[in-house]
Amino acid sequence: MTKDISLHPLAQRELNDSIRFYNSVSIDLAADLLAQFESASAFIRDNPLSTTIVLDDIRKKRLKRFPYNIIFAIREDSIRILALAHHSRKPFYWVGRS
């Protein structure tokens, strides 16, 4: 059974900010980022345990073509995306989000 996915408000902000940045470079890049995020989210929804463990019950899925990881936690009945973490950003800055 697949689980519903929700985004932490700060993860939603990170996604919006990233799309806005890539949109300033190219509409096609922004659209591709969103498509990659949606594809990775679908993979997470369908195969959450096939991803890399980062910390305790926190996992990550790398986006293709973009320097981001989706950081998420598997809950009993859902999946919570905690961050869209850029590879150059301070590691584990998202610890404490739930």
PDB file of N, CA and C in Angstrom:
ATOM      1  N   MET A   1       0.839  -1.187   0.000  1.00  0.00           N
ATOM      2  CA  MET A   1       0.000   0.000   0.000  1.00  0.00           C
ATOM      3  C   MET A   1       0.883   1.249   0.000  1.00  0.00           C
ATOM      4  N   THR A   2       0.579   2.171  -0.876  1.00  0.00           N
ATOM      5  CA  THR A   2       1.352   3.409  -0.924  1.00  0.00           C
ATOM      6  C   THR A   2       0.844   4.367   0.153  1.00  0.00           C
ATOM      7  N   LYS A   3       1.724   5.257   0.545  1.00  0.00           N
ATOM      8  CA  LYS A   3       1.409   6.208   1.604  1.00  0.00           C
ATOM      9  C   LYS A   3       1.277   7.603   1.010  1.00  0.00           C
ATOM     10  N   ASP A   4       0.468   8.430   1.652  1.00  0.00           N
ATOM     11  CA  ASP A   4       0.352   9.827   1.250  1.00  0.00           C
ATOM     12  C   ASP A   4       1.633  10.562   1.608  1.00  0.00           C
ATOM     13  N   ILE A   5       1.962  11.562   0.788  1.00  0.00           N
ATOM     14  CA  ILE A   5       3.151  12.382   1.026  1.00  0.00           C
ATOM     15  C   ILE A   5       2.713  13.790   1.392  1.00  0.00           C
ATOM     16  N   SER A   6       3.358  14.344   2.411  1.00  0.00           N
ATOM     17  CA  SER A   6       3.143  15.748   2.763  1.00  0.00           C
ATOM     18  C   SER A   6       4.500  16.437   2.854  1.00  0.00           C
ATOM     19  N   LEU A   7       4.481  17.746   2.648  1.00  0.00           N
ATOM     20  CA  LEU A   7       5.715  18.535   2.712  1.00  0.00           C
ATOM     21  C   LEU A   7       5.704  19.408   3.956  1.00  0.00           C
ATOM     22  N   HIS A   8       6.808  19.403   4.657  1.00  0.00           N
ATOM     23  CA  HIS A   8       7.007  20.362   5.741  1.00  0.00           C
ATOM     24  C   HIS A   8       6.956  21.751   5.102  1.00  0.00           C
ATOM     25  N   PRO A   9       6.398  22.755   5.781  1.00  0.00           N
ATOM     26  CA  PRO A   9       6.326  24.095   5.190  1.00  0.00           C
ATOM     27  C   PRO A   9       7.680  24.636   4.716  1.00  0.00           C
ATOM     28  N   LEU A  10       8.748  24.338   5.433  1.00  0.00           N
ATOM     29  CA  LEU A  10      10.063  24.818   4.998  1.00  0.00           C
ATOM     30  C   LEU A  10      10.565  24.050   3.775  1.00  0.00           C
ATOM     31  N   ALA A  11      10.178  22.795   3.641  1.00  0.00           N
ATOM     32  CA  ALA A  11      10.517  22.036   2.430  1.00  0.00           C
ATOM     33  C   ALA A  11       9.765  22.619   1.237  1.00  0.00           C
ATOM     34  N   GLN A  12       8.506  22.998   1.458  1.00  0.00           N
ATOM     35  CA  GLN A  12       7.733  23.636   0.384  1.00  0.00           C
ATOM     36  C   GLN A  12       8.384  24.951  -0.027  1.00  0.00           C
ATOM     37  N   ARG A  13       8.858  25.707   0.945  1.00  0.00           N
ATOM     38  CA  ARG A  13       9.536  26.971   0.643  1.00  0.00           C
ATOM     39  C   ARG A  13      10.816  26.714  -0.148  1.00  0.00           C
ATOM     40  N   GLU A  14      11.579  25.693   0.252  1.00  0.00           N
ATOM     41  CA  GLU A  14      12.817  25.361  -0.474  1.00  0.00           C
ATOM     42  C   GLU A  14      12.516  24.970  -1.919  1.00  0.00           C
ATOM     43  N   LEU A  15      11.449  24.204  -2.116  1.00  0.00           N
ATOM     44  CA  LEU A  15      11.057  23.836  -3.480  1.00  0.00           C
ATOM     45  C   LEU A  15      10.661  25.075  -4.273  1.00  0.00           C
ATOM     46  N   ASN A  16       9.821  25.917  -3.697  1.00  0.00           N
ATOM     47  CA  ASN A  16       9.390  27.141  -4.382  1.00  0.00           C
ATOM     48  C   ASN A  16      10.573  28.046  -4.712  1.00  0.00           C
ATOM     49  N   ASP A  17      11.479  28.222  -3.757  1.00  0.00           N
ATOM     50  CA  ASP A  17      12.654  29.069  -3.988  1.00  0.00           C
ATOM     51  C   ASP A  17      13.535  28.503  -5.096  1.00  0.00           C
ATOM     52  N   SER A  18      13.698  27.191  -5.119  1.00  0.00           N
ATOM     53  CA  SER A  18      14.532  26.555  -6.145  1.00  0.00           C
ATOM     54  C   SER A  18      13.901  26.697  -7.524  1.00  0.00           C
ATOM     55  N   ILE A  19      12.595  26.506  -7.598  1.00  0.00           N
ATOM     56  CA  ILE A  19      11.903  26.677  -8.883  1.00  0.00           C
ATOM     57  C   ILE A  19      12.012  28.123  -9.345  1.00  0.00           C
ATOM     58  N   ARG A  20      11.840  29.055  -8.429  1.00  0.00           N
ATOM     59  CA  ARG A  20      11.947  30.476  -8.774  1.00  0.00           C
ATOM     60  C   ARG A  20      13.349  30.799  -9.295  1.00  0.00           C
ATOM     61  N   PHE A  21      14.383  30.254  -8.643  1.00  0.00           N
ATOM     62  CA  PHE A  21      15.754  30.487  -9.095  1.00  0.00           C
ATOM     63  C   PHE A  21      15.955  29.946 -10.509  1.00  0.00           C
ATOM     64  N   TYR A  22      15.589  28.679 -10.729  1.00  0.00           N
ATOM     65  CA  TYR A  22      15.795  28.091 -12.058  1.00  0.00           C
ATOM     66  C   TYR A  22      14.924  28.763 -13.107  1.00  0.00           C
ATOM     67  N   ASN A  23      13.756  29.248 -12.712  1.00  0.00           N
ATOM     68  CA  ASN A  23      12.900  29.977 -13.644  1.00  0.00           C
ATOM     69  C   ASN A  23      13.571  31.262 -14.119  1.00  0.00           C
ATOM     70  N   SER A  24      14.379  31.884 -13.249  1.00  0.00           N
ATOM     71  CA  SER A  24      15.091  33.106 -13.646  1.00  0.00           C
ATOM     72  C   SER A  24      16.191  32.799 -14.659  1.00  0.00           C
ATOM     73  N   VAL A  25      16.627  31.548 -14.696  1.00  0.00           N
ATOM     74  CA  VAL A  25      17.639  31.113 -15.659  1.00  0.00           C
ATOM     75  C   VAL A  25      16.966  30.615 -16.929  1.00  0.00           C
ATOM     76  N   SER A  26      15.954  29.759 -16.755  1.00  0.00           N
ATOM     77  CA  SER A  26      15.275  29.151 -17.900  1.00  0.00           C
ATOM     78  C   SER A  26      13.971  28.519 -17.429  1.00  0.00           C
ATOM     79  N   ILE A  27      12.896  28.827 -18.125  1.00  0.00           N
ATOM     80  CA  ILE A  27      11.609  28.211 -17.802  1.00  0.00           C
ATOM     81  C   ILE A  27      11.703  26.697 -17.946  1.00  0.00           C
ATOM     82  N   ASP A  28      12.450  26.240 -18.938  1.00  0.00           N
ATOM     83  CA  ASP A  28      12.602  24.795 -19.146  1.00  0.00           C
ATOM     84  C   ASP A  28      13.316  24.131 -17.972  1.00  0.00           C
ATOM     85  N   LEU A  29      14.338  24.795 -17.434  1.00  0.00           N
ATOM     86  CA  LEU A  29      15.037  24.243 -16.263  1.00  0.00           C
ATOM     87  C   LEU A  29      14.106  24.162 -15.058  1.00  0.00           C
ATOM     88  N   ALA A  30      13.318  25.210 -14.849  1.00  0.00           N
ATOM     89  CA  ALA A  30      12.378  25.212 -13.728  1.00  0.00           C
ATOM     90  C   ALA A  30      11.362  24.084 -13.882  1.00  0.00           C
ATOM     91  N   ALA A  31      10.851  23.908 -15.095  1.00  0.00           N
ATOM     92  CA  ALA A  31       9.889  22.831 -15.345  1.00  0.00           C
ATOM     93  C   ALA A  31      10.535  21.464 -15.133  1.00  0.00           C
ATOM     94  N   ASP A  32      11.793  21.327 -15.549  1.00  0.00           N
ATOM     95  CA  ASP A  32      12.494  20.057 -15.370  1.00  0.00           C
ATOM     96  C   ASP A  32      12.737  19.773 -13.888  1.00  0.00           C
ATOM     97  N   LEU A  33      13.094  20.798 -13.124  1.00  0.00           N
ATOM     98  CA  LEU A  33      13.277  20.607 -11.680  1.00  0.00           C
ATOM     99  C   LEU A  33      11.982  20.108 -11.046  1.00  0.00           C
ATOM    100  N   LEU A  34      10.871  20.746 -11.379  1.00  0.00           N
ATOM    101  CA  LEU A  34       9.590  20.319 -10.818  1.00  0.00           C
ATOM    102  C   LEU A  34       9.265  18.887 -11.245  1.00  0.00           C
ATOM    103  N   ALA A  35       9.515  18.555 -12.503  1.00  0.00           N
ATOM    104  CA  ALA A  35       9.263  17.191 -12.986  1.00  0.00           C
ATOM    105  C   ALA A  35      10.137  16.176 -12.254  1.00  0.00           C
ATOM    106  N   GLN A  36      11.406  16.525 -12.029  1.00  0.00           N
ATOM    107  CA  GLN A  36      12.308  15.620 -11.306  1.00  0.00           C
ATOM    108  C   GLN A  36      11.861  15.449  -9.855  1.00  0.00           C
ATOM    109  N   PHE A  37      11.413  16.540  -9.243  1.00  0.00           N
ATOM    110  CA  PHE A  37      10.909  16.465  -7.871  1.00  0.00           C
ATOM    111  C   PHE A  37       9.679  15.559  -7.804  1.00  0.00           C
ATOM    112  N   GLU A  38       8.759  15.734  -8.746  1.00  0.00           N
ATOM    113  CA  GLU A  38       7.547  14.914  -8.760  1.00  0.00           C
ATOM    114  C   GLU A  38       7.870  13.446  -9.021  1.00  0.00           C
ATOM    115  N   SER A  39       8.808  13.190  -9.924  1.00  0.00           N
ATOM    116  CA  SER A  39       9.215  11.816 -10.219  1.00  0.00           C
ATOM    117  C   SER A  39       9.860  11.160  -8.996  1.00  0.00           C
ATOM    118  N   ALA A  40      10.755  11.886  -8.345  1.00  0.00           N
ATOM    119  CA  ALA A  40      11.416  11.354  -7.150  1.00  0.00           C
ATOM    120  C   ALA A  40      10.408  11.144  -6.021  1.00  0.00           C
ATOM    121  N   SER A  41       9.448  12.052  -5.894  1.00  0.00           N
ATOM    122  CA  SER A  41       8.412  11.902  -4.864  1.00  0.00           C
ATOM    123  C   SER A  41       7.565  10.660  -5.118  1.00  0.00           C
ATOM    124  N   ALA A  42       7.240  10.398  -6.382  1.00  0.00           N
ATOM    125  CA  ALA A  42       6.476   9.194  -6.728  1.00  0.00           C
ATOM    126  C   ALA A  42       7.286   7.939  -6.404  1.00  0.00           C
ATOM    127  N   PHE A  43       8.590   7.975  -6.694  1.00  0.00           N
ATOM    128  CA  PHE A  43       9.454   6.841  -6.357  1.00  0.00           C
ATOM    129  C   PHE A  43       9.461   6.615  -4.846  1.00  0.00           C
ATOM    130  N   ILE A  44       9.588   7.707  -4.097  1.00  0.00           N
ATOM    131  CA  ILE A  44       9.588   7.619  -2.630  1.00  0.00           C
ATOM    132  C   ILE A  44       8.267   7.025  -2.141  1.00  0.00           C
ATOM    133  N   ARG A  45       7.156   7.511  -2.692  1.00  0.00           N
ATOM    134  CA  ARG A  45       5.841   7.013  -2.286  1.00  0.00           C
ATOM    135  C   ARG A  45       5.718   5.503  -2.521  1.00  0.00           C
ATOM    136  N   ASP A  46       6.217   5.048  -3.679  1.00  0.00           N
ATOM    137  CA  ASP A  46       6.065   3.639  -4.051  1.00  0.00           C
ATOM    138  C   ASP A  46       7.157   2.728  -3.491  1.00  0.00           C
ATOM    139  N   ASN A  47       8.336   3.282  -3.199  1.00  0.00           N
ATOM    140  CA  ASN A  47       9.495   2.480  -2.767  1.00  0.00           C
ATOM    141  C   ASN A  47      10.272   3.152  -1.637  1.00  0.00           C
ATOM    142  N   PRO A  48       9.636   3.543  -0.568  1.00  0.00           N
ATOM    143  CA  PRO A  48      10.352   4.334   0.444  1.00  0.00           C
ATOM    144  C   PRO A  48      11.558   3.633   1.054  1.00  0.00           C
ATOM    145  N   LEU A  49      11.509   2.318   1.152  1.00  0.00           N
ATOM    146  CA  LEU A  49      12.615   1.595   1.781  1.00  0.00           C
ATOM    147  C   LEU A  49      13.769   1.332   0.821  1.00  0.00           C
ATOM    148  N   SER A  50      13.624   1.727  -0.436  1.00  0.00           N
ATOM    149  CA  SER A  50      14.690   1.551  -1.434  1.00  0.00           C
ATOM    150  C   SER A  50      15.628   2.745  -1.481  1.00  0.00           C
ATOM    151  N   THR A  51      15.512   3.624  -0.532  1.00  0.00           N
ATOM    152  CA  THR A  51      16.303   4.849  -0.516  1.00  0.00           C
ATOM    153  C   THR A  51      17.372   4.767   0.572  1.00  0.00           C
ATOM    154  N   THR A  52      18.253   5.743   0.560  1.00  0.00           N
ATOM    155  CA  THR A  52      19.400   5.753   1.464  1.00  0.00           C
ATOM    156  C   THR A  52      19.021   6.280   2.844  1.00  0.00           C
ATOM    157  N   ILE A  53      19.413   5.553   3.876  1.00  0.00           N
ATOM    158  CA  ILE A  53      19.214   6.023   5.252  1.00  0.00           C
ATOM    159  C   ILE A  53      20.248   7.106   5.542  1.00  0.00           C
ATOM    160  N   VAL A  54      19.761   8.214   6.100  1.00  0.00           N
ATOM    161  CA  VAL A  54      20.631   9.337   6.429  1.00  0.00           C
ATOM    162  C   VAL A  54      20.892   9.395   7.929  1.00  0.00           C
ATOM    163  N   LEU A  55      19.833   9.261   8.706  1.00  0.00           N
ATOM    164  CA  LEU A  55      19.928   9.438  10.153  1.00  0.00           C
ATOM    165  C   LEU A  55      18.705   8.792  10.794  1.00  0.00           C
ATOM    166  N   ASP A  56      18.914   7.802  11.618  1.00  0.00           N
ATOM    167  CA  ASP A  56      17.809   7.107  12.294  1.00  0.00           C
ATOM    168  C   ASP A  56      16.735   6.692  11.283  1.00  0.00           C
ATOM    169  N   ASP A  57      15.554   7.340  11.363  1.00  0.00           N
ATOM    170  CA  ASP A  57      14.459   6.992  10.455  1.00  0.00           C
ATOM    171  C   ASP A  57      14.330   7.972   9.287  1.00  0.00           C
ATOM    172  N   ILE A  58      15.343   8.764   9.056  1.00  0.00           N
ATOM    173  CA  ILE A  58      15.343   9.758   7.979  1.00  0.00           C
ATOM    174  C   ILE A  58      16.072   9.180   6.769  1.00  0.00           C
ATOM    175  N   ARG A  59      15.495   9.395   5.593  1.00  0.00           N
ATOM    176  CA  ARG A  59      16.066   8.870   4.349  1.00  0.00           C
ATOM    177  C   ARG A  59      16.206   9.989   3.331  1.00  0.00           C
ATOM    178  N   LYS A  60      16.890   9.674   2.222  1.00  0.00           N
ATOM    179  CA  LYS A  60      17.040  10.673   1.168  1.00  0.00           C
ATOM    180  C   LYS A  60      16.908  10.017  -0.198  1.00  0.00           C
ATOM    181  N   LYS A  61      16.486  10.840  -1.152  1.00  0.00           N
ATOM    182  CA  LYS A  61      16.430  10.453  -2.558  1.00  0.00           C
ATOM    183  C   LYS A  61      17.018  11.602  -3.357  1.00  0.00           C
ATOM    184  N   ARG A  62      18.039  11.304  -4.137  1.00  0.00           N
ATOM    185  CA  ARG A  62      18.710  12.331  -4.934  1.00  0.00           C
ATOM    186  C   ARG A  62      17.899  12.628  -6.194  1.00  0.00           C
ATOM    187  N   LEU A  63      17.832  13.914  -6.538  1.00  0.00           N
ATOM    188  CA  LEU A  63      17.195  14.295  -7.796  1.00  0.00           C
ATOM    189  C   LEU A  63      18.176  14.098  -8.938  1.00  0.00           C
ATOM    190  N   LYS A  64      17.672  13.686 -10.079  1.00  0.00           N
ATOM    191  CA  LYS A  64      18.501  13.576 -11.278  1.00  0.00           C
ATOM    192  C   LYS A  64      18.704  14.971 -11.853  1.00  0.00           C
ATOM    193  N   ARG A  65      19.907  15.229 -12.360  1.00  0.00           N
ATOM    194  CA  ARG A  65      20.270  16.476 -13.046  1.00  0.00           C
ATOM    195  C   ARG A  65      20.391  17.702 -12.147  1.00  0.00           C
ATOM    196  N   PHE A  66      19.961  17.624 -10.918  1.00  0.00           N
ATOM    197  CA  PHE A  66      19.982  18.797 -10.043  1.00  0.00           C
ATOM    198  C   PHE A  66      20.686  18.453  -8.732  1.00  0.00           C
ATOM    199  N   PRO A  67      21.345  19.435  -8.123  1.00  0.00           N
ATOM    200  CA  PRO A  67      22.128  19.173  -6.903  1.00  0.00           C
ATOM    201  C   PRO A  67      21.282  19.220  -5.626  1.00  0.00           C
ATOM    202  N   TYR A  68      20.253  18.376  -5.601  1.00  0.00           N
ATOM    203  CA  TYR A  68      19.340  18.362  -4.459  1.00  0.00           C
ATOM    204  C   TYR A  68      19.047  16.935  -4.027  1.00  0.00           C
ATOM    205  N   ASN A  69      18.803  16.789  -2.731  1.00  0.00           N
ATOM    206  CA  ASN A  69      18.257  15.559  -2.161  1.00  0.00           C
ATOM    207  C   ASN A  69      16.909  15.880  -1.542  1.00  0.00           C
ATOM    208  N   ILE A  70      15.964  14.971  -1.715  1.00  0.00           N
ATOM    209  CA  ILE A  70      14.722  15.046  -0.954  1.00  0.00           C
ATOM    210  C   ILE A  70      14.978  14.287   0.346  1.00  0.00           C
ATOM    211  N   ILE A  71      14.842  14.983   1.455  1.00  0.00           N
ATOM    212  CA  ILE A  71      15.025  14.391   2.780  1.00  0.00           C
ATOM    213  C   ILE A  71      13.631  14.105   3.338  1.00  0.00           C
ATOM    214  N   PHE A  72      13.397  12.871   3.777  1.00  0.00           N
ATOM    215  CA  PHE A  72      12.049  12.523   4.216  1.00  0.00           C
ATOM    216  C   PHE A  72      12.061  11.509   5.355  1.00  0.00           C
ATOM    217  N   ALA A  73      10.925  11.442   6.029  1.00  0.00           N
ATOM    218  CA  ALA A  73      10.723  10.479   7.114  1.00  0.00           C
ATOM    219  C   ALA A  73       9.506   9.631   6.780  1.00  0.00           C
ATOM    220  N   ILE A  74       9.621   8.343   7.057  1.00  0.00           N
ATOM    221  CA  ILE A  74       8.497   7.435   6.861  1.00  0.00           C
ATOM    222  C   ILE A  74       7.725   7.363   8.176  1.00  0.00           C
ATOM    223  N   ARG A  75       6.473   7.751   8.111  1.00  0.00           N
ATOM    224  CA  ARG A  75       5.586   7.686   9.275  1.00  0.00           C
ATOM    225  C   ARG A  75       4.737   6.411   9.172  1.00  0.00           C
ATOM    226  N   GLU A  76       3.958   6.158  10.193  1.00  0.00           N
ATOM    227  CA  GLU A  76       3.122   4.956  10.196  1.00  0.00           C
ATOM    228  C   GLU A  76       2.188   4.911   8.988  1.00  0.00           C
ATOM    229  N   ASP A  77       1.540   6.036   8.689  1.00  0.00           N
ATOM    230  CA  ASP A  77       0.560   6.040   7.604  1.00  0.00           C
ATOM    231  C   ASP A  77       0.857   7.070   6.513  1.00  0.00           C
ATOM    232  N   SER A  78       2.031   7.683   6.555  1.00  0.00           N
ATOM    233  CA  SER A  78       2.362   8.708   5.564  1.00  0.00           C
ATOM    234  C   SER A  78       3.874   8.879   5.445  1.00  0.00           C
ATOM    235  N   ILE A  79       4.244   9.712   4.494  1.00  0.00           N
ATOM    236  CA  ILE A  79       5.645  10.091   4.304  1.00  0.00           C
ATOM    237  C   ILE A  79       5.705  11.605   4.398  1.00  0.00           C
ATOM    238  N   ARG A  80       6.644  12.102   5.176  1.00  0.00           N
ATOM    239  CA  ARG A  80       6.788  13.546   5.369  1.00  0.00           C
ATOM    240  C   ARG A  80       8.094  13.997   4.743  1.00  0.00           C
ATOM    241  N   ILE A  81       8.014  14.855   3.729  1.00  0.00           N
ATOM    242  CA  ILE A  81       9.217  15.442   3.148  1.00  0.00           C
ATOM    243  C   ILE A  81       9.642  16.587   4.057  1.00  0.00           C
ATOM    244  N   LEU A  82      10.859  16.481   4.577  1.00  0.00           N
ATOM    245  CA  LEU A  82      11.363  17.448   5.548  1.00  0.00           C
ATOM    246  C   LEU A  82      12.152  18.565   4.901  1.00  0.00           C
ATOM    247  N   ALA A  83      12.807  18.270   3.768  1.00  0.00           N
ATOM    248  CA  ALA A  83      13.660  19.281   3.135  1.00  0.00           C
ATOM    249  C   ALA A  83      13.921  18.920   1.682  1.00  0.00           C
ATOM    250  N   LEU A  84      14.161  19.948   0.897  1.00  0.00           N
ATOM    251  CA  LEU A  84      14.773  19.808  -0.418  1.00  0.00           C
ATOM    252  C   LEU A  84      16.157  20.421  -0.235  1.00  0.00           C
ATOM    253  N   ALA A  85      17.112  19.563   0.070  1.00  0.00           N
ATOM    254  CA  ALA A  85      18.432  20.005   0.527  1.00  0.00           C
ATOM    255  C   ALA A  85      19.415  20.114  -0.634  1.00  0.00           C
ATOM    256  N   HIS A  86      19.936  21.310  -0.837  1.00  0.00           N
ATOM    257  CA  HIS A  86      20.974  21.530  -1.852  1.00  0.00           C
ATOM    258  C   HIS A  86      22.266  20.873  -1.379  1.00  0.00           C
ATOM    259  N   HIS A  87      22.996  20.273  -2.294  1.00  0.00           N
ATOM    260  CA  HIS A  87      24.225  19.555  -1.934  1.00  0.00           C
ATOM    261  C   HIS A  87      25.285  20.460  -1.312  1.00  0.00           C
ATOM    262  N   SER A  88      25.246  21.771  -1.588  1.00  0.00           N
ATOM    263  CA  SER A  88      26.262  22.669  -1.015  1.00  0.00           C
ATOM    264  C   SER A  88      25.844  23.261   0.322  1.00  0.00           C
ATOM    265  N   ARG A  89      24.620  23.024   0.716  1.00  0.00           N
ATOM    266  CA  ARG A  89      24.145  23.602   1.968  1.00  0.00           C
ATOM    267  C   ARG A  89      24.684  22.805   3.150  1.00  0.00           C
ATOM    268  N   LYS A  90      24.742  23.451   4.287  1.00  0.00           N
ATOM    269  CA  LYS A  90      25.246  22.805   5.505  1.00  0.00           C
ATOM    270  C   LYS A  90      24.502  21.488   5.741  1.00  0.00           C
ATOM    271  N   PRO A  91      25.234  20.393   5.914  1.00  0.00           N
ATOM    272  CA  PRO A  91      24.580  19.096   6.145  1.00  0.00           C
ATOM    273  C   PRO A  91      23.744  19.098   7.426  1.00  0.00           C
ATOM    274  N   PHE A  92      22.652  18.417   7.378  1.00  0.00           N
ATOM    275  CA  PHE A  92      21.777  18.200   8.531  1.00  0.00           C
ATOM    276  C   PHE A  92      21.144  19.480   9.078  1.00  0.00           C
ATOM    277  N   TYR A  93      21.093  20.546   8.277  1.00  0.00           N
ATOM    278  CA  TYR A  93      20.445  21.778   8.735  1.00  0.00           C
ATOM    279  C   TYR A  93      18.959  21.539   9.033  1.00  0.00           C
ATOM    280  N   TRP A  94      18.388  20.518   8.448  1.00  0.00           N
ATOM    281  CA  TRP A  94      16.964  20.221   8.556  1.00  0.00           C
ATOM    282  C   TRP A  94      16.619  19.385   9.797  1.00  0.00           C
ATOM    283  N   VAL A  95      17.632  18.948  10.552  1.00  0.00           N
ATOM    284  CA  VAL A  95      17.359  18.159  11.763  1.00  0.00           C
ATOM    285  C   VAL A  95      16.475  18.999  12.687  1.00  0.00           C
ATOM    286  N   GLY A  96      15.476  18.383  13.231  1.00  0.00           N
ATOM    287  CA  GLY A  96      14.537  19.095  14.094  1.00  0.00           C
ATOM    288  C   GLY A  96      13.196  19.333  13.426  1.00  0.00           C
ATOM    289  N   ARG A  97      13.154  19.190  12.115  1.00  0.00           N
ATOM    290  CA  ARG A  97      11.872  19.314  11.418  1.00  0.00           C
ATOM    291  C   ARG A  97      11.105  18.006  11.584  1.00  0.00           C
ATOM    292  N   SER A  98       9.793  18.134  11.652  1.00  0.00           N
ATOM    293  CA  SER A  98       8.984  16.910  11.761  1.00  0.00           C
ATOM    294  C   SER A  98       7.701  17.026  10.971  1.00  0.00           C
TER     295      SER A  98
END
